[in-house]
Amino acid sequence: MKNLGLLFLCALQFSCSGKAQKKINGVSFVASREEVAQSHIDEVVKIYANSAAIMPFGFIRDITSPQIIFDTERQWFGETRKGAKQYIELLQRNGLEVMVKPQIWIGGGQFTGTLKMESEDHWLQLEDSYKCFILNYAEMAEEVKAPLLCIGTELENFVKNRPTYWERLIKEIRSVYSGKLTYAANWDEYDRTPFWEKLDYIGIDAYFPLSEAKTPTVNELQLGWRPWKDKIATLAKVKNKPVVFTEFGYRSMNFTAKKPWLVDRNEEEVNLVAQSNAKTAIFNEFWNEDWFAGGYVWKWFIQHQNSGGELDNRFTPQNKPAQEVIKNHYKAYLD
């Protein structure tokens, strides 16, 4: 326990004076067609965020295809290396740190966790393609001195079927990138991820089911967190690693905490209170824990004035009461 305490010293939630200590108070800064401007960053600064996840993308035709297409002229500006670098440099000039989080999009929006090859030859092709993809952005992360790199997002089948490859890949990434590493495991995957010892943070996309209520209260949601939280805390202690929520968020709709991972276009009624309560509960449960490093809200669009709003039932908290919840909690964990 002594070593664990030393490891997490920088993340302790209170100083001797009782003042809240710095956490990663992040937003997932969504790639756009255009360059980012100062006015876009101003809105992030206003909610006291101190970090942003920048997400360049690679594309795969379907879950059996081994080829990742990335950094092409056909992609949106923010999805490319040039665009990601421009986003990062302006964020850094405004005092925000960055997690570089390259992601894969599979045709038709198929879940990345199901990516699985049908032959050894295709597995080898996928491994080579993914290595080119991630090393490209590892090199970029080193160029811009980003303090954190996420080596993959919700790739359970790929990880499960090729564990030796991932161990080799981590070594290769460290040969070109000197910052900290994490991996964004899905909420139902993180306890089976085999290489936490090789990374610096346990990363979790925190879409845990918490309540089946239409509008769950903060107390109900915190109670829903307890069994999950206990398991996460145990893993942090066993692996001797701090936890970061590489994504966390809730849609502004009825039953938002029943299946928080849903990204479908359902027309469930807008429920701004449910979203705000869910945000409050996650802050209450985690931000005071010494083994917890912070997290990145899913998700934040650069065109703030045209994003979210009281008629929107999607994930973004922008121009909704949940935005004020985030602002107030992030403000409490400034330096």
Protein backbone atom coordinates (compact mmCIF):
# COMPACT_ATOMS: atom_id res chain seq x y z
CA MET A 1 0.00 0.00 0.00
CA LYS A 2 2.94 2.35 0.63
CA ASN A 3 4.08 2.05 -2.99
CA LEU A 4 0.53 2.56 -4.20
CA GLY A 5 0.30 5.76 -2.20
CA LEU A 6 3.53 7.05 -3.71
CA LEU A 7 2.38 6.24 -7.23
CA PHE A 8 -0.81 8.19 -6.84
CA LEU A 9 0.66 11.10 -4.85
CA CYS A 10 0.20 13.52 -7.75
CA ALA A 11 -3.48 12.58 -8.02
CA LEU A 12 -4.46 12.98 -4.38
CA GLN A 13 -7.73 14.79 -4.17
CA PHE A 14 -7.07 17.09 -1.24
CA SER A 15 -4.08 19.00 0.02
CA CYS A 16 -3.48 19.65 3.70
CA SER A 17 -5.55 22.80 3.34
CA GLY A 18 -8.53 20.78 2.13
CA LYS A 19 -8.47 22.29 -1.38
CA ALA A 20 -9.36 19.96 -4.25
CA GLN A 21 -6.34 18.90 -6.29
CA LYS A 22 -5.94 18.77 -10.04
CA LYS A 23 -7.57 15.98 -12.04
CA ILE A 24 -7.77 15.40 -15.77
CA ASN A 25 -10.88 17.47 -16.49
CA GLY A 26 -11.21 16.65 -20.14
CA VAL A 27 -13.47 16.90 -23.15
CA SER A 28 -13.53 14.63 -26.20
CA PHE A 29 -12.92 17.28 -28.86
CA VAL A 30 -14.70 16.04 -31.97
CA ALA A 31 -12.92 16.27 -35.32
CA SER A 32 -14.49 18.65 -37.82
CA ARG A 33 -14.24 19.52 -41.50
CA GLU A 34 -12.52 22.78 -40.65
CA GLU A 35 -9.56 24.15 -38.78
CA VAL A 36 -10.11 24.96 -35.13
CA ALA A 37 -10.21 28.67 -34.22
CA GLN A 38 -9.62 30.54 -30.99
CA SER A 39 -13.37 31.07 -30.53
CA HIS A 40 -13.81 27.27 -30.47
CA ILE A 41 -11.20 26.88 -27.73
CA ASP A 42 -12.68 29.73 -25.70
CA GLU A 43 -15.80 27.66 -25.02
CA VAL A 44 -13.70 24.77 -23.68
CA VAL A 45 -11.77 27.12 -21.42
CA LYS A 46 -15.04 28.53 -20.06
CA ILE A 47 -15.97 25.18 -18.51
CA TYR A 48 -12.55 24.94 -16.82
CA ALA A 49 -11.44 21.93 -18.83
CA ASN A 50 -7.70 21.39 -18.58
CA SER A 51 -7.33 18.63 -21.18
CA ALA A 52 -8.82 17.49 -24.49
CA ALA A 53 -8.84 14.17 -26.29
CA ILE A 54 -7.96 14.68 -29.95
CA MET A 55 -9.29 11.89 -32.15
CA PRO A 56 -7.87 11.37 -35.65
CA PHE A 57 -9.62 8.51 -37.43
CA GLY A 58 -8.85 5.48 -39.53
CA PHE A 59 -11.52 3.63 -41.49
CA ILE A 60 -12.16 -0.07 -42.08
CA ARG A 61 -14.67 -1.40 -44.60
CA ASP A 62 -16.21 -4.05 -42.32
CA ILE A 63 -15.41 -6.21 -39.28
CA THR A 64 -13.54 -8.80 -41.37
CA SER A 65 -11.42 -6.35 -43.37
CA PRO A 66 -7.72 -6.06 -42.46
CA GLN A 67 -6.96 -2.71 -44.09
CA ILE A 68 -7.10 0.61 -42.21
CA ILE A 69 -7.37 3.70 -44.40
CA PHE A 70 -6.12 6.85 -42.70
CA ASP A 71 -4.62 10.30 -43.17
CA THR A 72 -6.09 10.83 -46.62
CA GLU A 73 -7.36 13.91 -48.45
CA ARG A 74 -10.85 12.44 -48.47
CA GLN A 75 -11.13 12.69 -44.69
CA TRP A 76 -12.30 15.64 -42.66
CA PHE A 77 -9.48 17.99 -41.70
CA GLY A 78 -9.66 17.15 -37.98
CA GLU A 79 -9.47 13.41 -38.69
CA THR A 80 -6.01 13.68 -40.30
CA ARG A 81 -2.54 14.08 -38.86
CA LYS A 82 -2.28 17.66 -40.10
CA GLY A 83 -5.65 18.53 -38.62
CA ALA A 84 -5.01 16.82 -35.30
CA LYS A 85 -1.72 18.68 -34.99
CA GLN A 86 -3.39 22.02 -35.69
CA TYR A 87 -6.05 21.31 -33.04
CA ILE A 88 -3.42 20.28 -30.52
CA GLU A 89 -1.15 23.26 -31.02
CA LEU A 90 -3.98 25.76 -30.48
CA LEU A 91 -5.24 23.89 -27.43
CA GLN A 92 -1.73 23.89 -25.99
CA ARG A 93 -1.37 27.64 -26.57
CA ASN A 94 -4.43 28.01 -24.36
CA GLY A 95 -2.89 25.96 -21.58
CA LEU A 96 -4.75 22.70 -22.19
CA GLU A 97 -3.00 19.35 -22.19
CA VAL A 98 -3.89 16.71 -24.77
CA MET A 99 -4.55 13.01 -25.00
CA VAL A 100 -3.99 11.79 -28.56
CA LYS A 101 -6.66 9.13 -29.10
CA PRO A 102 -6.59 7.67 -32.63
CA GLN A 103 -9.78 5.75 -33.33
CA ILE A 104 -11.18 3.31 -35.88
CA TRP A 105 -14.50 3.66 -37.66
CA ILE A 106 -15.91 0.49 -39.20
CA GLY A 107 -18.31 0.75 -42.13
CA GLY A 108 -21.95 1.04 -41.14
CA GLY A 109 -21.00 2.03 -37.62
CA GLN A 110 -20.27 -1.56 -36.59
CA PHE A 111 -18.87 -1.88 -33.08
CA THR A 112 -15.05 -1.94 -33.06
CA GLY A 113 -15.01 -4.58 -30.33
CA THR A 114 -16.29 -7.12 -32.87
CA LEU A 115 -13.37 -6.61 -35.29
CA LYS A 116 -12.14 -10.14 -36.03
CA MET A 117 -10.27 -11.64 -38.95
CA GLU A 118 -11.23 -14.91 -40.63
CA SER A 119 -7.72 -16.12 -41.44
CA GLU A 120 -4.16 -15.90 -40.15
CA ASP A 121 -3.12 -14.00 -43.24
CA HIS A 122 -5.76 -11.36 -42.59
CA TRP A 123 -4.74 -11.09 -38.94
CA LEU A 124 -1.16 -10.40 -40.01
CA GLN A 125 -2.36 -7.78 -42.49
CA LEU A 126 -4.46 -6.10 -39.81
CA GLU A 127 -1.52 -6.10 -37.41
CA ASP A 128 0.72 -4.40 -39.97
CA SER A 129 -1.97 -1.90 -40.91
CA TYR A 130 -2.78 -1.02 -37.30
CA LYS A 131 0.93 -0.62 -36.48
CA CYS A 132 1.32 1.90 -39.31
CA PHE A 133 -1.80 3.73 -38.12
CA ILE A 134 -0.89 3.98 -34.44
CA LEU A 135 2.83 4.67 -34.94
CA ASN A 136 1.95 7.53 -37.28
CA TYR A 137 0.07 9.20 -34.44
CA ALA A 138 2.56 8.16 -31.78
CA GLU A 139 5.20 10.06 -33.76
CA MET A 140 2.87 13.05 -34.01
CA ALA A 141 2.15 12.89 -30.27
CA GLU A 142 5.90 13.00 -29.64
CA GLU A 143 6.32 15.96 -32.00
CA VAL A 144 3.75 18.05 -30.14
CA LYS A 145 4.82 16.75 -26.72
CA ALA A 146 1.36 15.45 -25.86
CA PRO A 147 1.52 13.97 -22.33
CA LEU A 148 -0.84 11.06 -23.02
CA LEU A 149 -1.44 8.67 -25.91
CA CYS A 150 -4.28 6.16 -26.13
CA ILE A 151 -3.07 3.12 -28.09
CA GLY A 152 -6.53 1.81 -29.04
CA THR A 153 -10.24 2.18 -28.37
CA GLU A 154 -12.68 -0.66 -27.66
CA LEU A 155 -10.87 -3.36 -29.65
CA GLU A 156 -11.73 -6.36 -27.48
CA ASN A 157 -11.64 -9.11 -30.11
CA PHE A 158 -8.41 -7.78 -31.61
CA VAL A 159 -6.80 -7.70 -28.16
CA LYS A 160 -8.17 -11.08 -27.09
CA ASN A 161 -7.07 -12.89 -30.24
CA ARG A 162 -3.62 -11.29 -30.63
CA PRO A 163 -2.21 -10.60 -27.14
CA THR A 164 1.44 -11.14 -28.14
CA TYR A 165 1.08 -8.62 -30.94
CA TRP A 166 -0.18 -5.96 -28.51
CA GLU A 167 2.76 -6.50 -26.16
CA ARG A 168 5.18 -6.05 -29.07
CA LEU A 169 3.23 -3.03 -30.29
CA ILE A 170 3.45 -1.31 -26.91
CA LYS A 171 7.23 -1.67 -27.00
CA GLU A 172 7.36 -0.20 -30.51
CA ILE A 173 5.15 2.71 -29.48
CA ARG A 174 7.42 3.45 -26.52
CA SER A 175 10.40 3.50 -28.89
CA VAL A 176 8.99 6.57 -30.67
CA TYR A 177 6.86 8.19 -27.94
CA SER A 178 8.11 9.24 -24.50
CA GLY A 179 4.84 10.22 -22.81
CA LYS A 180 2.31 8.17 -20.85
CA LEU A 181 0.20 5.41 -22.41
CA THR A 182 -3.31 4.14 -21.89
CA TYR A 183 -5.87 2.04 -23.76
CA ALA A 184 -9.61 2.82 -23.89
CA ALA A 185 -11.30 -0.41 -22.85
CA ASN A 186 -15.06 -0.65 -23.14
CA TRP A 187 -16.95 -0.81 -19.82
CA ASP A 188 -17.53 -4.56 -20.20
CA GLU A 189 -13.98 -5.27 -21.43
CA TYR A 190 -11.60 -3.52 -19.03
CA ASP A 191 -11.32 -6.36 -16.49
CA ARG A 192 -10.09 -8.75 -19.21
CA THR A 193 -7.56 -6.42 -20.86
CA PRO A 194 -4.26 -8.32 -20.54
CA PHE A 195 -1.64 -5.60 -20.74
CA TRP A 196 -2.44 -3.00 -18.06
CA GLU A 197 0.95 -3.66 -16.45
CA LYS A 198 2.61 -2.41 -19.66
CA LEU A 199 0.75 0.93 -19.63
CA ASP A 200 0.64 3.94 -17.33
CA TYR A 201 -3.12 4.27 -16.85
CA ILE A 202 -6.05 1.88 -16.85
CA GLY A 203 -8.36 3.50 -19.40
CA ILE A 204 -12.10 2.83 -19.36
CA ASP A 205 -14.93 4.08 -21.57
CA ALA A 206 -17.32 4.33 -18.65
CA TYR A 207 -20.73 3.47 -20.09
CA PHE A 208 -21.78 1.28 -17.17
CA PRO A 209 -25.52 0.53 -16.72
CA LEU A 210 -26.61 2.19 -13.49
CA SER A 211 -30.40 2.49 -13.34
CA GLU A 212 -33.53 1.50 -15.25
CA ALA A 213 -35.45 4.57 -14.04
CA LYS A 214 -36.78 7.10 -16.51
CA THR A 215 -35.28 9.98 -14.53
CA PRO A 216 -32.97 8.46 -11.91
CA THR A 217 -32.00 10.65 -8.98
CA VAL A 218 -28.39 11.43 -8.14
CA ASN A 219 -28.63 9.14 -5.11
CA GLU A 220 -30.03 6.25 -7.19
CA LEU A 221 -27.24 6.68 -9.70
CA GLN A 222 -24.56 6.75 -7.03
CA LEU A 223 -25.95 3.55 -5.58
CA GLY A 224 -25.88 2.07 -9.08
CA TRP A 225 -22.20 2.95 -9.32
CA ARG A 226 -21.12 1.20 -6.12
CA PRO A 227 -20.63 -2.41 -7.37
CA TRP A 228 -18.86 -1.20 -10.51
CA LYS A 229 -16.74 1.25 -8.55
CA ASP A 230 -15.61 -1.43 -6.11
CA LYS A 231 -14.39 -3.60 -9.01
CA ILE A 232 -12.60 -0.70 -10.67
CA ALA A 233 -10.90 0.31 -7.42
CA THR A 234 -9.78 -3.27 -6.81
CA LEU A 235 -8.25 -3.49 -10.28
CA ALA A 236 -6.43 -0.18 -9.77
CA LYS A 237 -4.87 -1.52 -6.57
CA VAL A 238 -4.03 -4.95 -7.99
CA LYS A 239 -2.40 -3.47 -11.11
CA ASN A 240 -0.90 -0.54 -9.17
CA LYS A 241 -2.17 1.87 -11.83
CA PRO A 242 -4.41 4.95 -11.72
CA VAL A 243 -7.68 4.87 -13.65
CA VAL A 244 -8.73 7.40 -16.28
CA PHE A 245 -12.16 7.45 -17.88
CA THR A 246 -11.10 7.80 -21.51
CA GLU A 247 -14.76 8.53 -22.25
CA PHE A 248 -17.69 9.26 -19.96
CA GLY A 249 -21.07 10.66 -20.85
CA TYR A 250 -24.82 10.28 -20.92
CA ARG A 251 -27.44 11.21 -23.44
CA SER A 252 -30.01 13.85 -22.51
CA MET A 253 -32.93 11.45 -22.76
CA ASN A 254 -35.23 9.24 -20.73
CA PHE A 255 -33.58 6.10 -19.30
CA THR A 256 -30.14 7.55 -19.99
CA ALA A 257 -28.40 5.33 -17.43
CA LYS A 258 -30.06 2.06 -18.48
CA LYS A 259 -27.83 1.45 -21.52
CA PRO A 260 -25.54 4.49 -21.64
CA TRP A 261 -23.58 3.14 -24.60
CA LEU A 262 -26.46 3.46 -27.05
CA VAL A 263 -25.58 5.63 -30.04
CA ASP A 264 -28.62 4.79 -32.19
CA ARG A 265 -30.89 7.43 -33.62
CA ASN A 266 -33.83 6.59 -31.39
CA GLU A 267 -36.38 9.28 -30.71
CA GLU A 268 -36.47 8.79 -26.94
CA GLU A 269 -37.84 11.91 -25.26
CA VAL A 270 -35.35 14.60 -24.28
CA ASN A 271 -34.59 14.52 -20.55
CA LEU A 272 -32.14 17.19 -19.46
CA VAL A 273 -32.52 16.39 -15.77
CA ALA A 274 -31.51 12.76 -16.24
CA GLN A 275 -28.32 13.79 -18.04
CA SER A 276 -27.44 16.35 -15.36
CA ASN A 277 -28.09 13.88 -12.55
CA ALA A 278 -25.91 11.25 -14.22
CA LYS A 279 -23.05 13.73 -14.63
CA THR A 280 -23.37 14.82 -10.99
CA ALA A 281 -23.32 11.22 -9.77
CA ILE A 282 -20.14 10.28 -11.64
CA PHE A 283 -18.34 13.35 -10.31
CA ASN A 284 -19.51 12.64 -6.77
CA GLU A 285 -18.40 9.02 -6.90
CA PHE A 286 -15.01 9.29 -8.59
CA TRP A 287 -13.37 12.70 -8.55
CA ASN A 288 -12.50 12.46 -4.84
CA GLU A 289 -10.76 9.10 -5.15
CA ASP A 290 -6.96 9.10 -4.99
CA TRP A 291 -6.67 6.19 -7.47
CA PHE A 292 -8.78 8.04 -10.03
CA ALA A 293 -6.99 10.40 -12.43
CA GLY A 294 -9.99 12.05 -14.13
CA GLY A 295 -11.66 11.70 -17.49
CA TYR A 296 -12.93 13.04 -20.83
CA VAL A 297 -16.56 14.03 -21.40
CA TRP A 298 -18.13 12.49 -24.48
CA LYS A 299 -18.46 14.63 -26.51
CA TRP A 300 -17.68 18.27 -27.39
CA PHE A 301 -18.15 19.80 -30.85
CA ILE A 302 -16.04 22.74 -31.99
CA GLN A 303 -19.06 24.75 -33.25
CA HIS A 304 -20.38 25.36 -29.76
CA GLN A 305 -23.22 27.74 -30.60
CA ASN A 306 -24.76 25.21 -33.00
CA SER A 307 -24.28 22.14 -30.80
CA GLY A 308 -26.59 20.42 -28.36
CA GLY A 309 -29.34 22.59 -26.92
CA GLU A 310 -32.52 21.82 -25.04
CA LEU A 311 -34.15 19.90 -27.92
CA ASP A 312 -31.19 17.56 -28.43
CA ASN A 313 -31.21 14.04 -26.93
CA ARG A 314 -27.63 13.16 -27.86
CA PHE A 315 -24.47 12.88 -25.75
CA THR A 316 -23.10 16.39 -25.92
CA PRO A 317 -23.71 18.51 -22.79
CA GLN A 318 -23.30 21.71 -24.79
CA ASN A 319 -25.95 24.38 -24.22
CA LYS A 320 -27.72 22.13 -21.72
CA PRO A 321 -27.91 22.16 -17.91
CA ALA A 322 -25.28 19.37 -17.85
CA GLN A 323 -22.75 21.87 -19.17
CA GLU A 324 -23.08 23.90 -15.98
CA VAL A 325 -22.69 20.74 -13.89
CA ILE A 326 -19.41 19.98 -15.66
CA LYS A 327 -18.22 23.57 -15.32
CA ASN A 328 -18.87 23.66 -11.57
CA HIS A 329 -17.16 20.34 -10.90
CA TYR A 330 -14.18 21.06 -13.13
CA LYS A 331 -13.71 24.44 -11.47
CA ALA A 332 -13.32 22.68 -8.11
CA TYR A 333 -10.34 20.71 -9.39
CA LEU A 334 -8.17 23.44 -10.79
CA ASP A 335 -4.54 23.76 -9.67
